[in-house]
Protein backbone atom coordinates (compact mmCIF):
# COMPACT_ATOMS: atom_id res chain seq x y z
CA UNK A 1 204.63 -66.89 44.33
CA UNK A 2 203.34 -63.66 44.43
CA UNK A 3 203.85 -60.74 48.07
CA UNK A 4 201.88 -57.95 48.76
CA UNK A 5 203.45 -55.83 51.05
CA UNK A 6 201.82 -52.32 52.58
CA UNK A 7 204.80 -50.75 54.61
CA UNK A 8 201.80 -48.95 57.38
CA UNK A 9 203.00 -45.91 59.59
CA UNK A 10 200.55 -46.35 62.67
CA UNK A 11 200.47 -44.72 66.01
CA UNK A 12 200.26 -47.70 67.94
CA UNK A 13 203.06 -48.95 70.33
CA UNK A 14 203.24 -51.95 71.03
CA UNK A 15 206.14 -54.17 72.96
CA UNK A 16 208.25 -54.99 69.74
CA UNK A 17 209.34 -52.59 66.87
CA UNK A 18 209.07 -52.97 63.26
CA UNK A 19 206.40 -56.34 63.52
CA UNK A 20 205.96 -57.84 59.82
CA UNK A 21 201.93 -59.66 59.85
CA UNK A 22 201.82 -62.44 57.25
CA UNK A 23 198.39 -62.76 56.35
CA UNK A 24 198.15 -66.42 54.33
CA UNK A 25 194.50 -66.48 52.59
CA UNK A 26 192.47 -69.45 52.88
CA UNK A 27 190.12 -71.93 50.65
CA UNK A 28 190.74 -75.38 51.25
CA UNK A 29 194.41 -75.20 49.90
CA UNK A 30 192.87 -75.20 46.35
CA UNK A 31 191.35 -72.16 45.86
CA UNK A 32 192.03 -68.26 46.10
CA UNK A 33 194.67 -65.63 46.06
CA UNK A 34 196.46 -63.23 48.09
CA UNK A 35 194.22 -59.99 47.20
CA UNK A 36 191.85 -62.30 49.40
CA UNK A 37 193.22 -60.63 52.32
CA UNK A 38 195.27 -57.60 51.24
CA UNK A 39 192.57 -55.16 52.70
CA UNK A 40 193.06 -56.10 56.04
CA UNK A 41 195.62 -53.86 56.02
CA UNK A 42 193.31 -50.91 56.62
CA UNK A 43 192.58 -52.88 59.97
CA UNK A 44 196.37 -53.72 60.61
CA UNK A 45 197.54 -50.48 59.56
CA UNK A 46 195.95 -49.17 62.81
CA UNK A 47 199.10 -51.23 64.91
CA UNK A 48 201.76 -50.17 62.72
CA UNK A 49 202.30 -53.66 61.39
CA UNK A 50 203.88 -54.03 58.40
CA UNK A 51 201.73 -56.56 56.30
CA UNK A 52 202.46 -58.97 54.32
CA UNK A 53 200.11 -61.42 51.93
CA UNK A 54 202.14 -64.05 50.40
CA UNK A 55 200.66 -66.71 47.81
CA UNK A 56 201.04 -70.20 47.39
CA UNK A 57 200.57 -72.85 44.93
CA UNK A 58 197.31 -74.44 44.74
CA UNK A 59 196.02 -77.99 45.08
CA UNK A 60 195.84 -80.42 42.81
CA UNK A 61 199.04 -79.04 41.29
CA UNK A 62 200.94 -78.68 44.83
CA UNK A 63 201.17 -80.75 47.64
CA UNK A 64 201.24 -79.24 51.42
CA UNK A 65 205.27 -79.76 50.86
CA UNK A 66 205.26 -77.37 47.58
CA UNK A 67 202.61 -75.04 49.75
CA UNK A 68 205.04 -74.69 53.22
CA UNK A 69 207.55 -73.68 50.51
CA UNK A 70 206.10 -70.45 48.77
CA UNK A 71 205.44 -69.78 52.45
CA UNK A 72 208.65 -69.77 53.69
CA UNK A 73 210.21 -68.25 50.68
CA UNK A 74 207.89 -65.16 51.27
CA UNK A 75 209.19 -64.79 54.78
CA UNK A 76 212.63 -65.66 53.78
CA UNK A 77 212.14 -63.10 51.03
CA UNK A 78 211.05 -60.35 53.25
CA UNK A 79 213.93 -60.93 55.88
CA UNK A 80 216.46 -60.54 53.10
CA UNK A 81 215.01 -56.96 52.48
CA UNK A 82 214.64 -56.22 56.04
CA UNK A 83 216.85 -57.80 58.31
CA UNK A 84 217.09 -61.23 59.43
CA UNK A 85 216.20 -59.86 63.35
CA UNK A 86 212.23 -58.94 62.46
CA UNK A 87 209.37 -59.65 64.50
CA UNK A 88 206.89 -62.09 62.80
CA UNK A 89 203.37 -62.42 63.60
CA UNK A 90 201.92 -65.65 61.52
CA UNK A 91 198.39 -65.36 60.78
CA UNK A 92 195.94 -67.26 58.34
CA UNK A 93 192.37 -67.82 57.84
CA UNK A 94 191.03 -71.92 57.37
CA UNK A 95 193.22 -73.62 55.24
CA UNK A 96 195.72 -70.18 55.22
CA UNK A 97 195.40 -70.78 59.30
CA UNK A 98 197.04 -74.58 58.43
CA UNK A 99 199.83 -73.31 56.56
CA UNK A 100 200.45 -70.53 59.09
CA UNK A 101 200.57 -73.16 61.67
CA UNK A 102 203.68 -75.18 60.31
CA UNK A 103 205.32 -71.99 58.85
CA UNK A 104 206.16 -71.04 61.91
CA UNK A 105 208.18 -74.05 62.72
CA UNK A 106 210.22 -72.59 60.08
CA UNK A 107 210.77 -69.42 61.88
CA UNK A 108 211.15 -67.32 65.05
CA UNK A 109 207.86 -66.06 65.51
CA UNK A 110 206.59 -63.66 67.65
CA UNK A 111 202.71 -64.73 67.49
CA UNK A 112 200.33 -66.71 65.76
CA UNK A 113 196.63 -65.89 64.73
CA UNK A 114 194.89 -68.87 63.68
CA UNK A 115 191.41 -68.43 62.37
CA UNK A 116 188.64 -71.03 62.11
CA UNK A 117 191.72 -73.93 60.72
CA UNK A 118 191.33 -77.60 60.67
CA UNK A 119 193.34 -78.94 63.30
CA UNK A 120 192.56 -82.31 62.38
CA UNK A 121 192.34 -83.15 58.54
CA UNK A 122 191.54 -87.01 59.22
CA UNK A 123 188.27 -85.55 59.79
CA UNK A 124 188.09 -83.25 57.13
CA UNK A 125 186.77 -83.29 53.83
CA UNK A 126 188.63 -86.74 52.13
CA UNK A 127 188.47 -84.74 49.12
CA UNK A 128 190.34 -81.58 49.91
CA UNK A 129 192.97 -83.76 52.04
CA UNK A 130 194.11 -86.18 49.80
CA UNK A 131 194.65 -83.19 47.41
CA UNK A 132 197.23 -82.13 49.25
CA UNK A 133 198.64 -85.44 51.38
CA UNK A 134 200.79 -87.78 49.48
CA UNK A 135 202.95 -91.12 50.23
CA UNK A 136 205.50 -89.52 52.38
CA UNK A 137 203.26 -87.04 54.40
CA UNK A 138 199.69 -87.85 55.71
CA UNK A 139 197.12 -86.46 57.36
CA UNK A 140 197.64 -87.55 60.26
CA UNK A 141 201.15 -86.42 59.99
CA UNK A 142 199.76 -82.38 59.03
CA UNK A 143 197.32 -82.46 61.90
CA UNK A 144 198.32 -80.10 64.44
CA UNK A 145 196.00 -82.03 66.63
CA UNK A 146 198.78 -84.81 66.41
CA UNK A 147 201.54 -82.71 67.09
CA UNK A 148 204.12 -83.46 69.26
CA UNK A 149 206.03 -80.55 69.49
CA UNK A 150 204.72 -77.89 72.30
CA UNK A 151 204.43 -74.52 70.33
CA UNK A 152 205.21 -72.16 73.16
CA UNK A 153 204.60 -68.97 70.68
CA UNK A 154 201.87 -66.90 71.78
CA UNK A 155 198.58 -67.91 69.80
CA UNK A 156 195.51 -65.96 69.28
CA UNK A 157 192.93 -68.67 68.08
CA UNK A 158 189.80 -67.05 67.00
CA UNK A 159 186.58 -69.33 65.01
CA UNK A 160 183.05 -67.55 64.29
CA UNK A 161 179.53 -68.21 65.71
CA UNK A 162 177.83 -69.02 62.40
CA UNK A 163 179.99 -71.70 60.53
CA UNK A 164 180.13 -75.52 60.64
CA UNK A 165 180.00 -77.08 63.01
CA UNK A 166 183.46 -79.30 62.57
CA UNK A 167 185.42 -75.59 62.68
CA UNK A 168 183.69 -74.66 65.84
CA UNK A 169 184.65 -78.51 67.23
CA UNK A 170 188.09 -78.55 66.10
CA UNK A 171 189.03 -75.10 67.30
CA UNK A 172 188.31 -75.32 70.62
CA UNK A 173 189.60 -78.77 70.60
CA UNK A 174 192.81 -77.40 69.51
CA UNK A 175 193.13 -74.58 72.09
CA UNK A 176 192.52 -76.95 74.46
CA UNK A 177 195.43 -78.23 73.38
CA UNK A 178 197.40 -75.58 73.61
CA UNK A 179 196.22 -72.98 75.89
CA UNK A 180 198.74 -74.16 79.22
CA UNK A 181 201.70 -73.98 76.79
CA UNK A 182 201.46 -70.15 77.06
CA UNK A 183 200.11 -67.54 79.34
CA UNK A 184 199.40 -65.22 76.43
CA UNK A 185 197.38 -68.10 74.43
CA UNK A 186 193.81 -66.60 73.62
CA UNK A 187 190.70 -67.79 72.30
CA UNK A 188 187.87 -65.47 70.61
CA UNK A 189 184.57 -66.41 68.88
CA UNK A 190 183.13 -63.52 66.24
CA UNK A 191 179.19 -63.19 66.80
CA UNK A 192 177.02 -63.67 64.46
CA UNK A 193 179.63 -63.66 61.48
CA UNK A 194 179.99 -67.00 59.03
CA UNK A 195 182.91 -68.95 58.30
CA UNK A 196 183.62 -66.91 54.68
CA UNK A 197 182.88 -62.98 56.89
CA UNK A 198 185.72 -63.98 59.63
CA UNK A 199 188.60 -61.71 58.30
CA UNK A 200 185.94 -59.00 57.71
CA UNK A 201 184.87 -59.07 61.13
CA UNK A 202 188.57 -57.76 62.21
CA UNK A 203 188.29 -54.16 62.17
CA UNK A 204 187.81 -51.10 64.91
CA UNK A 205 183.84 -51.23 64.99
CA UNK A 206 183.83 -54.70 66.64
CA UNK A 207 185.26 -53.06 69.97
CA UNK A 208 185.12 -56.34 71.28
CA UNK A 209 187.71 -57.95 68.86
CA UNK A 210 189.59 -55.13 68.58
CA UNK A 211 190.26 -54.56 73.02
CA UNK A 212 191.34 -58.66 72.54
CA UNK A 213 193.69 -58.20 69.88
CA UNK A 214 195.05 -55.05 71.17
CA UNK A 215 195.64 -56.74 74.49
CA UNK A 216 197.09 -59.67 73.29
CA UNK A 217 199.83 -57.57 70.99
CA UNK A 218 200.63 -55.64 73.92
CA UNK A 219 202.10 -58.90 75.33
CA UNK A 220 204.07 -60.44 72.91
CA UNK A 221 207.72 -60.14 73.55
């Protein structure tokens, strides 16, 4: 497990203090490493956020259970270092967003940023899904669309204009499922951006996104 922590000192004032944002990389649960998301520090430092980029064991050697265990270990490590009463935002892109959603069930979380996740694994590429499931964990059992628990944590859900239709459809369908759970739930579409460059589009030059994120962040409690 690897964790990269960048302590920011921005001037932005939100309704919360001492916020730790855990930003989890994607890669179909099989590829990637923490450095993929480390560059987002340049954006989130504007909002006085402490950025943590967790690593997790990859498929096919490791299953969903082990990956969630690694994310939770990262969160628990930061709690041990900085105190239990942290304000936490869990974020992730693609497979990382899927892991962020399920990691939020183990911690008190102030917000979730889910970017182009797969919300129904029964309709996703079987090769990748088979690598993280097992006899005890089916694709349906780890699909947020079938989750019977009502997640009331504020969620900022994003997807992109130029990506595979499955990500667009599942993002819209999942937002329909959760939009009434919290008045601060939002959905945002990045225009002229593909799936792989979505995290790069989170920058101050994208004024539409920046305004949406800023407003959502200030409403967290």
